[in-house]
Amino acid sequence: MTIKEIFEKCKTLNIYEERTMQEDYLELVFYTKETGQWDKLFTAILGEAAKPAGKKPAPADLTLTKEYGGVYDNQTLYKKKFDNGTIVAMFWPWQDAVRTTLKVALVK
């Protein structure tokens, strides 16, 4: 699985803003009210959330996501190992409760 392949799947949903699309990193913003659709998409790609929103992150998850801003209690983390590294996807809800930033990274 590549970041580009994940981005192609993301384009089937409503995207508020495309921020960054690189070989090993993707960042975009979606509407928080559509989080259920995004959860369903990432569960299909990476499996169940490793850290659902509302749960405290494990120390290993903090280390894995540190380079990309970490993951906090109110955020969601998906992760799956592939041959070329681990893909992580993080949902970062905004304070306005209207938008959520999605960060997807290939961690080698």
PDB file of N, CA and C in Angstrom:
ATOM      1  N   MET A   1       0.856  -1.184   0.000  1.00  0.00           N
ATOM      2  CA  MET A   1       0.000   0.000   0.000  1.00  0.00           C
ATOM      3  C   MET A   1       0.898   1.242   0.000  1.00  0.00           C
ATOM      4  N   THR A   2       0.540   2.209  -0.830  1.00  0.00           N
ATOM      5  CA  THR A   2       1.309   3.452  -0.908  1.00  0.00           C
ATOM      6  C   THR A   2       0.433   4.625  -0.475  1.00  0.00           C
ATOM      7  N   ILE A   3       1.077   5.736  -0.181  1.00  0.00           N
ATOM      8  CA  ILE A   3       0.348   6.955   0.176  1.00  0.00           C
ATOM      9  C   ILE A   3      -0.524   7.396  -1.010  1.00  0.00           C
ATOM     10  N   LYS A   4      -0.008   7.258  -2.215  1.00  0.00           N
ATOM     11  CA  LYS A   4      -0.772   7.641  -3.401  1.00  0.00           C
ATOM     12  C   LYS A   4      -2.040   6.796  -3.527  1.00  0.00           C
ATOM     13  N   GLU A   5      -1.933   5.508  -3.272  1.00  0.00           N
ATOM     14  CA  GLU A   5      -3.110   4.630  -3.331  1.00  0.00           C
ATOM     15  C   GLU A   5      -4.134   5.028  -2.267  1.00  0.00           C
ATOM     16  N   ILE A   6      -3.663   5.392  -1.091  1.00  0.00           N
ATOM     17  CA  ILE A   6      -4.567   5.840  -0.030  1.00  0.00           C
ATOM     18  C   ILE A   6      -5.239   7.141  -0.436  1.00  0.00           C
ATOM     19  N   PHE A   7      -4.474   8.057  -1.021  1.00  0.00           N
ATOM     20  CA  PHE A   7      -5.044   9.325  -1.452  1.00  0.00           C
ATOM     21  C   PHE A   7      -6.151   9.109  -2.489  1.00  0.00           C
ATOM     22  N   GLU A   8      -5.942   8.183  -3.404  1.00  0.00           N
ATOM     23  CA  GLU A   8      -6.964   7.886  -4.413  1.00  0.00           C
ATOM     24  C   GLU A   8      -8.259   7.420  -3.747  1.00  0.00           C
ATOM     25  N   LYS A   9      -8.150   6.632  -2.702  1.00  0.00           N
ATOM     26  CA  LYS A   9      -9.333   6.179  -1.967  1.00  0.00           C
ATOM     27  C   LYS A   9      -9.980   7.341  -1.212  1.00  0.00           C
ATOM     28  N   CYS A  10      -9.167   8.260  -0.688  1.00  0.00           N
ATOM     29  CA  CYS A  10      -9.686   9.432   0.035  1.00  0.00           C
ATOM     30  C   CYS A  10     -10.503  10.322  -0.890  1.00  0.00           C
ATOM     31  N   LYS A  11     -10.129  10.377  -2.139  1.00  0.00           N
ATOM     32  CA  LYS A  11     -10.819  11.261  -3.086  1.00  0.00           C
ATOM     33  C   LYS A  11     -12.255  10.832  -3.358  1.00  0.00           C
ATOM     34  N   THR A  12     -12.637   9.633  -2.881  1.00  0.00           N
ATOM     35  CA  THR A  12     -14.029   9.205  -3.028  1.00  0.00           C
ATOM     36  C   THR A  12     -14.926   9.873  -1.978  1.00  0.00           C
ATOM     37  N   LEU A  13     -14.311  10.514  -0.976  1.00  0.00           N
ATOM     38  CA  LEU A  13     -15.052  11.210   0.081  1.00  0.00           C
ATOM     39  C   LEU A  13     -14.915  12.723  -0.098  1.00  0.00           C
ATOM     40  N   ASN A  14     -15.684  13.464   0.666  1.00  0.00           N
ATOM     41  CA  ASN A  14     -15.675  14.928   0.604  1.00  0.00           C
ATOM     42  C   ASN A  14     -14.434  15.472   1.307  1.00  0.00           C
ATOM     43  N   ILE A  15     -13.590  16.184   0.588  1.00  0.00           N
ATOM     44  CA  ILE A  15     -12.367  16.780   1.142  1.00  0.00           C
ATOM     45  C   ILE A  15     -12.551  18.287   1.200  1.00  0.00           C
ATOM     46  N   TYR A  16     -12.346  18.864   2.379  1.00  0.00           N
ATOM     47  CA  TYR A  16     -12.450  20.317   2.559  1.00  0.00           C
ATOM     48  C   TYR A  16     -11.229  21.013   1.953  1.00  0.00           C
ATOM     49  N   GLU A  17     -10.028  20.464   2.226  1.00  0.00           N
ATOM     50  CA  GLU A  17      -8.784  21.082   1.746  1.00  0.00           C
ATOM     51  C   GLU A  17      -7.698  20.029   1.575  1.00  0.00           C
ATOM     52  N   GLU A  18      -7.031  20.035   0.434  1.00  0.00           N
ATOM     53  CA  GLU A  18      -5.850  19.200   0.216  1.00  0.00           C
ATOM     54  C   GLU A  18      -4.640  20.047   0.567  1.00  0.00           C
ATOM     55  N   ARG A  19      -3.841  19.590   1.517  1.00  0.00           N
ATOM     56  CA  ARG A  19      -2.686  20.376   1.964  1.00  0.00           C
ATOM     57  C   ARG A  19      -1.376  19.877   1.368  1.00  0.00           C
ATOM     58  N   THR A  20      -1.089  18.599   1.548  1.00  0.00           N
ATOM     59  CA  THR A  20       0.193  18.047   1.118  1.00  0.00           C
ATOM     60  C   THR A  20      -0.006  16.648   0.565  1.00  0.00           C
ATOM     61  N   MET A  21       0.636  16.375  -0.561  1.00  0.00           N
ATOM     62  CA  MET A  21       0.630  15.026  -1.126  1.00  0.00           C
ATOM     63  C   MET A  21       2.046  14.733  -1.584  1.00  0.00           C
ATOM     64  N   GLN A  22       2.735  13.885  -0.816  1.00  0.00           N
ATOM     65  CA  GLN A  22       4.099  13.491  -1.136  1.00  0.00           C
ATOM     66  C   GLN A  22       4.168  11.969  -1.177  1.00  0.00           C
ATOM     67  N   GLU A  23       5.298  11.448  -1.569  1.00  0.00           N
ATOM     68  CA  GLU A  23       5.465  10.001  -1.652  1.00  0.00           C
ATOM     69  C   GLU A  23       5.269   9.320  -0.306  1.00  0.00           C
ATOM     70  N   ASP A  24       5.699   9.983   0.775  1.00  0.00           N
ATOM     71  CA  ASP A  24       5.620   9.359   2.096  1.00  0.00           C
ATOM     72  C   ASP A  24       4.746  10.124   3.097  1.00  0.00           C
ATOM     73  N   TYR A  25       3.969  11.121   2.623  1.00  0.00           N
ATOM     74  CA  TYR A  25       3.146  11.907   3.537  1.00  0.00           C
ATOM     75  C   TYR A  25       1.965  12.547   2.810  1.00  0.00           C
ATOM     76  N   LEU A  26       0.818  12.496   3.447  1.00  0.00           N
ATOM     77  CA  LEU A  26      -0.408  13.086   2.935  1.00  0.00           C
ATOM     78  C   LEU A  26      -1.070  13.861   4.065  1.00  0.00           C
ATOM     79  N   GLU A  27      -1.516  15.067   3.769  1.00  0.00           N
ATOM     80  CA  GLU A  27      -2.272  15.824   4.753  1.00  0.00           C
ATOM     81  C   GLU A  27      -3.428  16.517   4.042  1.00  0.00           C
ATOM     82  N   LEU A  28      -4.605  16.356   4.621  1.00  0.00           N
ATOM     83  CA  LEU A  28      -5.796  17.018   4.105  1.00  0.00           C
ATOM     84  C   LEU A  28      -6.735  17.321   5.263  1.00  0.00           C
ATOM     85  N   VAL A  29      -7.810  18.045   4.955  1.00  0.00           N
ATOM     86  CA  VAL A  29      -8.802  18.404   5.971  1.00  0.00           C
ATOM     87  C   VAL A  29     -10.167  17.942   5.472  1.00  0.00           C
ATOM     88  N   PHE A  30     -10.930  17.324   6.388  1.00  0.00           N
ATOM     89  CA  PHE A  30     -12.299  16.929   6.056  1.00  0.00           C
ATOM     90  C   PHE A  30     -13.252  17.473   7.114  1.00  0.00           C
ATOM     91  N   TYR A  31     -14.541  17.391   6.836  1.00  0.00           N
ATOM     92  CA  TYR A  31     -15.544  17.873   7.781  1.00  0.00           C
ATOM     93  C   TYR A  31     -15.749  16.843   8.889  1.00  0.00           C
ATOM     94  N   THR A  32     -15.692  17.302  10.125  1.00  0.00           N
ATOM     95  CA  THR A  32     -15.814  16.428  11.288  1.00  0.00           C
ATOM     96  C   THR A  32     -17.124  15.646  11.276  1.00  0.00           C
ATOM     97  N   LYS A  33     -18.200  16.245  10.781  1.00  0.00           N
ATOM     98  CA  LYS A  33     -19.489  15.547  10.751  1.00  0.00           C
ATOM     99  C   LYS A  33     -19.442  14.299   9.874  1.00  0.00           C
ATOM    100  N   GLU A  34     -18.416  14.161   9.034  1.00  0.00           N
ATOM    101  CA  GLU A  34     -18.266  13.009   8.157  1.00  0.00           C
ATOM    102  C   GLU A  34     -17.214  12.008   8.670  1.00  0.00           C
ATOM    103  N   THR A  35     -16.849  12.141   9.943  1.00  0.00           N
ATOM    104  CA  THR A  35     -15.818  11.267  10.520  1.00  0.00           C
ATOM    105  C   THR A  35     -16.175   9.791  10.376  1.00  0.00           C
ATOM    106  N   GLY A  36     -17.440   9.436  10.502  1.00  0.00           N
ATOM    107  CA  GLY A  36     -17.855   8.036  10.372  1.00  0.00           C
ATOM    108  C   GLY A  36     -17.470   7.440   9.028  1.00  0.00           C
ATOM    109  N   GLN A  37     -17.622   8.221   7.963  1.00  0.00           N
ATOM    110  CA  GLN A  37     -17.244   7.752   6.625  1.00  0.00           C
ATOM    111  C   GLN A  37     -15.732   7.554   6.529  1.00  0.00           C
ATOM    112  N   TRP A  38     -14.982   8.493   7.126  1.00  0.00           N
ATOM    113  CA  TRP A  38     -13.525   8.395   7.108  1.00  0.00           C
ATOM    114  C   TRP A  38     -13.052   7.222   7.967  1.00  0.00           C
ATOM    115  N   ASP A  39     -13.706   6.996   9.107  1.00  0.00           N
ATOM    116  CA  ASP A  39     -13.382   5.823   9.940  1.00  0.00           C
ATOM    117  C   ASP A  39     -13.577   4.535   9.142  1.00  0.00           C
ATOM    118  N   LYS A  40     -14.688   4.454   8.443  1.00  0.00           N
ATOM    119  CA  LYS A  40     -14.991   3.262   7.645  1.00  0.00           C
ATOM    120  C   LYS A  40     -13.926   3.043   6.572  1.00  0.00           C
ATOM    121  N   LEU A  41     -13.525   4.109   5.900  1.00  0.00           N
ATOM    122  CA  LEU A  41     -12.501   4.009   4.863  1.00  0.00           C
ATOM    123  C   LEU A  41     -11.180   3.509   5.443  1.00  0.00           C
ATOM    124  N   PHE A  42     -10.744   4.111   6.543  1.00  0.00           N
ATOM    125  CA  PHE A  42      -9.443   3.728   7.102  1.00  0.00           C
ATOM    126  C   PHE A  42      -9.472   2.380   7.800  1.00  0.00           C
ATOM    127  N   THR A  43     -10.616   1.978   8.309  1.00  0.00           N
ATOM    128  CA  THR A  43     -10.742   0.621   8.850  1.00  0.00           C
ATOM    129  C   THR A  43     -10.578  -0.385   7.718  1.00  0.00           C
ATOM    130  N   ALA A  44     -11.143  -0.098   6.550  1.00  0.00           N
ATOM    131  CA  ALA A  44     -10.998  -0.988   5.394  1.00  0.00           C
ATOM    132  C   ALA A  44      -9.550  -1.058   4.915  1.00  0.00           C
ATOM    133  N   ILE A  45      -8.821   0.060   5.011  1.00  0.00           N
ATOM    134  CA  ILE A  45      -7.439   0.113   4.517  1.00  0.00           C
ATOM    135  C   ILE A  45      -6.447  -0.438   5.544  1.00  0.00           C
ATOM    136  N   LEU A  46      -6.585   0.002   6.813  1.00  0.00           N
ATOM    137  CA  LEU A  46      -5.564  -0.280   7.827  1.00  0.00           C
ATOM    138  C   LEU A  46      -6.051  -1.133   9.002  1.00  0.00           C
ATOM    139  N   GLY A  47      -7.312  -1.487   9.016  1.00  0.00           N
ATOM    140  CA  GLY A  47      -7.853  -2.254  10.138  1.00  0.00           C
ATOM    141  C   GLY A  47      -8.424  -1.325  11.200  1.00  0.00           C
ATOM    142  N   GLU A  48      -8.938  -1.899  12.263  1.00  0.00           N
ATOM    143  CA  GLU A  48      -9.544  -1.123  13.343  1.00  0.00           C
ATOM    144  C   GLU A  48      -8.547  -0.100  13.905  1.00  0.00           C
ATOM    145  N   ALA A  49      -9.066   0.985  14.433  1.00  0.00           N
ATOM    146  CA  ALA A  49      -8.210   2.035  15.014  1.00  0.00           C
ATOM    147  C   ALA A  49      -7.335   1.438  16.110  1.00  0.00           C
ATOM    148  N   ALA A  50      -6.051   1.743  16.039  1.00  0.00           N
ATOM    149  CA  ALA A  50      -5.106   1.305  17.072  1.00  0.00           C
ATOM    150  C   ALA A  50      -5.321   2.110  18.356  1.00  0.00           C
ATOM    151  N   LYS A  51      -5.746   3.372  18.175  1.00  0.00           N
ATOM    152  CA  LYS A  51      -6.053   4.237  19.311  1.00  0.00           C
ATOM    153  C   LYS A  51      -7.265   5.079  18.945  1.00  0.00           C
ATOM    154  N   PRO A  52      -8.441   4.672  19.408  1.00  0.00           N
ATOM    155  CA  PRO A  52      -9.636   5.474  19.127  1.00  0.00           C
ATOM    156  C   PRO A  52      -9.611   6.802  19.885  1.00  0.00           C
ATOM    157  N   ALA A  53     -10.357   7.766  19.392  1.00  0.00           N
ATOM    158  CA  ALA A  53     -10.506   9.037  20.103  1.00  0.00           C
ATOM    159  C   ALA A  53     -11.073   8.753  21.487  1.00  0.00           C
ATOM    160  N   GLY A  54     -10.561   9.487  22.474  1.00  0.00           N
ATOM    161  CA  GLY A  54     -11.032   9.316  23.840  1.00  0.00           C
ATOM    162  C   GLY A  54     -10.185   8.376  24.681  1.00  0.00           C
ATOM    163  N   LYS A  55      -9.241   7.683  24.062  1.00  0.00           N
ATOM    164  CA  LYS A  55      -8.354   6.786  24.799  1.00  0.00           C
ATOM    165  C   LYS A  55      -6.948   7.361  24.827  1.00  0.00           C
ATOM    166  N   LYS A  56      -6.238   7.050  25.887  1.00  0.00           N
ATOM    167  CA  LYS A  56      -4.864   7.521  26.041  1.00  0.00           C
ATOM    168  C   LYS A  56      -3.946   6.732  25.101  1.00  0.00           C
ATOM    169  N   PRO A  57      -3.020   7.429  24.401  1.00  0.00           N
ATOM    170  CA  PRO A  57      -2.106   6.715  23.499  1.00  0.00           C
ATOM    171  C   PRO A  57      -1.054   5.918  24.265  1.00  0.00           C
ATOM    172  N   ALA A  58      -0.686   4.785  23.698  1.00  0.00           N
ATOM    173  CA  ALA A  58       0.394   3.969  24.256  1.00  0.00           C
ATOM    174  C   ALA A  58       1.730   4.661  23.980  1.00  0.00           C
ATOM    175  N   PRO A  59       2.723   4.457  24.841  1.00  0.00           N
ATOM    176  CA  PRO A  59       4.038   5.062  24.602  1.00  0.00           C
ATOM    177  C   PRO A  59       4.608   4.735  23.215  1.00  0.00           C
ATOM    178  N   ALA A  60       4.407   3.523  22.740  1.00  0.00           N
ATOM    179  CA  ALA A  60       4.910   3.143  21.405  1.00  0.00           C
ATOM    180  C   ALA A  60       4.229   3.961  20.306  1.00  0.00           C
ATOM    181  N   ASP A  61       2.950   4.260  20.480  1.00  0.00           N
ATOM    182  CA  ASP A  61       2.233   5.068  19.488  1.00  0.00           C
ATOM    183  C   ASP A  61       2.729   6.512  19.497  1.00  0.00           C
ATOM    184  N   LEU A  62       3.057   7.009  20.673  1.00  0.00           N
ATOM    185  CA  LEU A  62       3.616   8.368  20.768  1.00  0.00           C
ATOM    186  C   LEU A  62       4.958   8.445  20.047  1.00  0.00           C
ATOM    187  N   THR A  63       5.783   7.433  20.224  1.00  0.00           N
ATOM    188  CA  THR A  63       7.083   7.388  19.558  1.00  0.00           C
ATOM    189  C   THR A  63       6.904   7.283  18.045  1.00  0.00           C
ATOM    190  N   LEU A  64       6.009   6.408  17.609  1.00  0.00           N
ATOM    191  CA  LEU A  64       5.770   6.185  16.185  1.00  0.00           C
ATOM    192  C   LEU A  64       5.291   7.453  15.477  1.00  0.00           C
ATOM    193  N   THR A  65       4.490   8.267  16.160  1.00  0.00           N
ATOM    194  CA  THR A  65       3.874   9.441  15.529  1.00  0.00           C
ATOM    195  C   THR A  65       4.568  10.764  15.867  1.00  0.00           C
ATOM    196  N   LYS A  66       5.599  10.718  16.658  1.00  0.00           N
ATOM    197  CA  LYS A  66       6.257  11.945  17.135  1.00  0.00           C
ATOM    198  C   LYS A  66       6.667  12.889  16.007  1.00  0.00           C
ATOM    199  N   GLU A  67       7.262  12.354  14.961  1.00  0.00           N
ATOM    200  CA  GLU A  67       7.741  13.170  13.838  1.00  0.00           C
ATOM    201  C   GLU A  67       6.606  13.935  13.144  1.00  0.00           C
ATOM    202  N   TYR A  68       5.379  13.456  13.314  1.00  0.00           N
ATOM    203  CA  TYR A  68       4.216  14.049  12.641  1.00  0.00           C
ATOM    204  C   TYR A  68       3.293  14.781  13.608  1.00  0.00           C
ATOM    205  N   GLY A  69       3.799  15.103  14.786  1.00  0.00           N
ATOM    206  CA  GLY A  69       3.026  15.867  15.764  1.00  0.00           C
ATOM    207  C   GLY A  69       2.449  15.042  16.894  1.00  0.00           C
ATOM    208  N   GLY A  70       2.660  13.733  16.871  1.00  0.00           N
ATOM    209  CA  GLY A  70       2.155  12.879  17.935  1.00  0.00           C
ATOM    210  C   GLY A  70       0.670  12.609  17.799  1.00  0.00           C
ATOM    211  N   VAL A  71       0.158  11.896  18.778  1.00  0.00           N
ATOM    212  CA  VAL A  71      -1.269  11.584  18.814  1.00  0.00           C
ATOM    213  C   VAL A  71      -1.739  11.758  20.260  1.00  0.00           C
ATOM    214  N   TYR A  72      -2.863  12.447  20.419  1.00  0.00           N
ATOM    215  CA  TYR A  72      -3.370  12.795  21.743  1.00  0.00           C
ATOM    216  C   TYR A  72      -4.691  12.099  22.031  1.00  0.00           C
ATOM    217  N   ASP A  73      -5.159  12.237  23.257  1.00  0.00           N
ATOM    218  CA  ASP A  73      -6.359  11.541  23.717  1.00  0.00           C
ATOM    219  C   ASP A  73      -7.564  11.742  22.800  1.00  0.00           C
ATOM    220  N   ASN A  74      -7.768  12.955  22.293  1.00  0.00           N
ATOM    221  CA  ASN A  74      -8.956  13.247  21.481  1.00  0.00           C
ATOM    222  C   ASN A  74      -8.772  12.893  20.002  1.00  0.00           C
ATOM    223  N   GLN A  75      -7.637  12.313  19.650  1.00  0.00           N
ATOM    224  CA  GLN A  75      -7.337  11.988  18.266  1.00  0.00           C
ATOM    225  C   GLN A  75      -7.421  10.482  18.030  1.00  0.00           C
ATOM    226  N   THR A  76      -7.549  10.115  16.761  1.00  0.00           N
ATOM    227  CA  THR A  76      -7.651   8.708  16.368  1.00  0.00           C
ATOM    228  C   THR A  76      -6.397   8.319  15.601  1.00  0.00           C
ATOM    229  N   LEU A  77      -5.905   7.120  15.856  1.00  0.00           N
ATOM    230  CA  LEU A  77      -4.721   6.595  15.167  1.00  0.00           C
ATOM    231  C   LEU A  77      -5.030   5.240  14.556  1.00  0.00           C
ATOM    232  N   TYR A  78      -4.726   5.116  13.283  1.00  0.00           N
ATOM    233  CA  TYR A  78      -4.732   3.836  12.583  1.00  0.00           C
ATOM    234  C   TYR A  78      -3.287   3.541  12.213  1.00  0.00           C
ATOM    235  N   LYS A  79      -2.928   2.263  12.183  1.00  0.00           N
ATOM    236  CA  LYS A  79      -1.574   1.905  11.752  1.00  0.00           C
ATOM    237  C   LYS A  79      -1.563   0.467  11.254  1.00  0.00           C
ATOM    238  N   LYS A  80      -0.696   0.240  10.274  1.00  0.00           N
ATOM    239  CA  LYS A  80      -0.545  -1.111   9.739  1.00  0.00           C
ATOM    240  C   LYS A  80       0.841  -1.237   9.131  1.00  0.00           C
ATOM    241  N   LYS A  81       1.486  -2.369   9.404  1.00  0.00           N
ATOM    242  CA  LYS A  81       2.806  -2.643   8.837  1.00  0.00           C
ATOM    243  C   LYS A  81       2.662  -3.214   7.432  1.00  0.00           C
ATOM    244  N   PHE A  82       3.499  -2.705   6.546  1.00  0.00           N
ATOM    245  CA  PHE A  82       3.607  -3.193   5.174  1.00  0.00           C
ATOM    246  C   PHE A  82       5.074  -3.501   4.917  1.00  0.00           C
ATOM    247  N   ASP A  83       5.384  -4.083   3.772  1.00  0.00           N
ATOM    248  CA  ASP A  83       6.769  -4.431   3.440  1.00  0.00           C
ATOM    249  C   ASP A  83       7.684  -3.211   3.434  1.00  0.00           C
ATOM    250  N   ASN A  84       7.160  -2.056   3.014  1.00  0.00           N
ATOM    251  CA  ASN A  84       7.993  -0.855   2.893  1.00  0.00           C
ATOM    252  C   ASN A  84       7.965   0.035   4.143  1.00  0.00           C
ATOM    253  N   GLY A  85       7.297  -0.386   5.211  1.00  0.00           N
ATOM    254  CA  GLY A  85       7.244   0.382   6.453  1.00  0.00           C
ATOM    255  C   GLY A  85       5.850   0.332   7.061  1.00  0.00           C
ATOM    256  N   THR A  86       5.630   1.155   8.072  1.00  0.00           N
ATOM    257  CA  THR A  86       4.337   1.232   8.739  1.00  0.00           C
ATOM    258  C   THR A  86       3.605   2.479   8.266  1.00  0.00           C
ATOM    259  N   ILE A  87       2.365   2.299   7.859  1.00  0.00           N
ATOM    260  CA  ILE A  87       1.537   3.452   7.506  1.00  0.00           C
ATOM    261  C   ILE A  87       0.712   3.817   8.725  1.00  0.00           C
ATOM    262  N   VAL A  88       0.779   5.096   9.084  1.00  0.00           N
ATOM    263  CA  VAL A  88      -0.041   5.621  10.171  1.00  0.00           C
ATOM    264  C   VAL A  88      -1.000   6.651   9.590  1.00  0.00           C
ATOM    265  N   ALA A  89      -2.193   6.693  10.136  1.00  0.00           N
ATOM    266  CA  ALA A  89      -3.188   7.697   9.768  1.00  0.00           C
ATOM    267  C   ALA A  89      -3.742   8.264  11.062  1.00  0.00           C
ATOM    268  N   MET A  90      -3.738   9.597  11.165  1.00  0.00           N
ATOM    269  CA  MET A  90      -4.197  10.270  12.377  1.00  0.00           C
ATOM    270  C   MET A  90      -5.291  11.263  12.041  1.00  0.00           C
ATOM    271  N   PHE A  91      -6.366  11.223  12.810  1.00  0.00           N
ATOM    272  CA  PHE A  91      -7.441  12.203  12.702  1.00  0.00           C
ATOM    273  C   PHE A  91      -7.238  13.207  13.822  1.00  0.00           C
ATOM    274  N   TRP A  92      -7.060  14.461  13.468  1.00  0.00           N
ATOM    275  CA  TRP A  92      -6.876  15.543  14.432  1.00  0.00           C
ATOM    276  C   TRP A  92      -8.077  16.486  14.369  1.00  0.00           C
ATOM    277  N   PRO A  93      -9.075  16.331  15.226  1.00  0.00           N
ATOM    278  CA  PRO A  93     -10.226  17.242  15.206  1.00  0.00           C
ATOM    279  C   PRO A  93      -9.809  18.657  15.609  1.00  0.00           C
ATOM    280  N   TRP A  94     -10.375  19.633  14.935  1.00  0.00           N
ATOM    281  CA  TRP A  94     -10.096  21.034  15.250  1.00  0.00           C
ATOM    282  C   TRP A  94     -10.920  21.480  16.448  1.00  0.00           C
ATOM    283  N   GLN A  95     -10.488  22.562  17.086  1.00  0.00           N
ATOM    284  CA  GLN A  95     -11.219  23.142  18.213  1.00  0.00           C
ATOM    285  C   GLN A  95     -12.608  23.624  17.796  1.00  0.00           C
ATOM    286  N   ASP A  96     -12.776  24.005  16.521  1.00  0.00           N
ATOM    287  CA  ASP A  96     -14.075  24.519  16.069  1.00  0.00           C
ATOM    288  C   ASP A  96     -15.122  23.417  15.894  1.00  0.00           C
ATOM    289  N   ALA A  97     -14.718  22.157  16.012  1.00  0.00           N
ATOM    290  CA  ALA A  97     -15.591  20.988  15.880  1.00  0.00           C
ATOM    291  C   ALA A  97     -16.229  20.882  14.488  1.00  0.00           C
ATOM    292  N   VAL A  98     -15.728  21.635  13.524  1.00  0.00           N
ATOM    293  CA  VAL A  98     -16.267  21.620  12.169  1.00  0.00           C
ATOM    294  C   VAL A  98     -15.349  20.834  11.226  1.00  0.00           C
ATOM    295  N   ARG A  99     -14.056  20.927  11.453  1.00  0.00           N
ATOM    296  CA  ARG A  99     -13.082  20.280  10.566  1.00  0.00           C
ATOM    297  C   ARG A  99     -12.147  19.368  11.346  1.00  0.00           C
ATOM    298  N   THR A 100     -11.544  18.443  10.584  1.00  0.00           N
ATOM    299  CA  THR A 100     -10.561  17.509  11.137  1.00  0.00           C
ATOM    300  C   THR A 100      -9.416  17.411  10.145  1.00  0.00           C
ATOM    301  N   THR A 101      -8.197  17.465  10.644  1.00  0.00           N
ATOM    302  CA  THR A 101      -7.019  17.255   9.802  1.00  0.00           C
ATOM    303  C   THR A 101      -6.717  15.754   9.772  1.00  0.00           C
ATOM    304  N   LEU A 102      -6.426  15.266   8.594  1.00  0.00           N
ATOM    305  CA  LEU A 102      -5.993  13.885   8.405  1.00  0.00           C
ATOM    306  C   LEU A 102      -4.523  13.912   8.021  1.00  0.00           C
ATOM    307  N   LYS A 103      -3.723  13.195   8.773  1.00  0.00           N
ATOM    308  CA  LYS A 103      -2.302  13.033   8.449  1.00  0.00           C
ATOM    309  C   LYS A 103      -2.048  11.561   8.210  1.00  0.00           C
ATOM    310  N   VAL A 104      -1.478  11.232   7.052  1.00  0.00           N
ATOM    311  CA  VAL A 104      -1.128   9.858   6.710  1.00  0.00           C
ATOM    312  C   VAL A 104       0.358   9.862   6.377  1.00  0.00           C
ATOM    313  N   ALA A 105       1.113   8.966   7.013  1.00  0.00           N
ATOM    314  CA  ALA A 105       2.557   8.933   6.798  1.00  0.00           C
ATOM    315  C   ALA A 105       3.060   7.510   6.683  1.00  0.00           C
ATOM    316  N   LEU A 106       4.098   7.350   5.890  1.00  0.00           N
ATOM    317  CA  LEU A 106       4.822   6.092   5.807  1.00  0.00           C
ATOM    318  C   LEU A 106       6.043   6.220   6.705  1.00  0.00           C
ATOM    319  N   VAL A 107       6.069   5.449   7.770  1.00  0.00           N
ATOM    320  CA  VAL A 107       7.174   5.471   8.738  1.00  0.00           C
ATOM    321  C   VAL A 107       8.062   4.277   8.454  1.00  0.00           C
ATOM    322  N   LYS A 108       9.319   4.555   8.121  1.00  0.00           N
ATOM    323  CA  LYS A 108      10.250   3.460   7.786  1.00  0.00           C
ATOM    324  C   LYS A 108      11.094   3.087   8.967  1.00  0.00           C
TER     325      LYS A 108
END
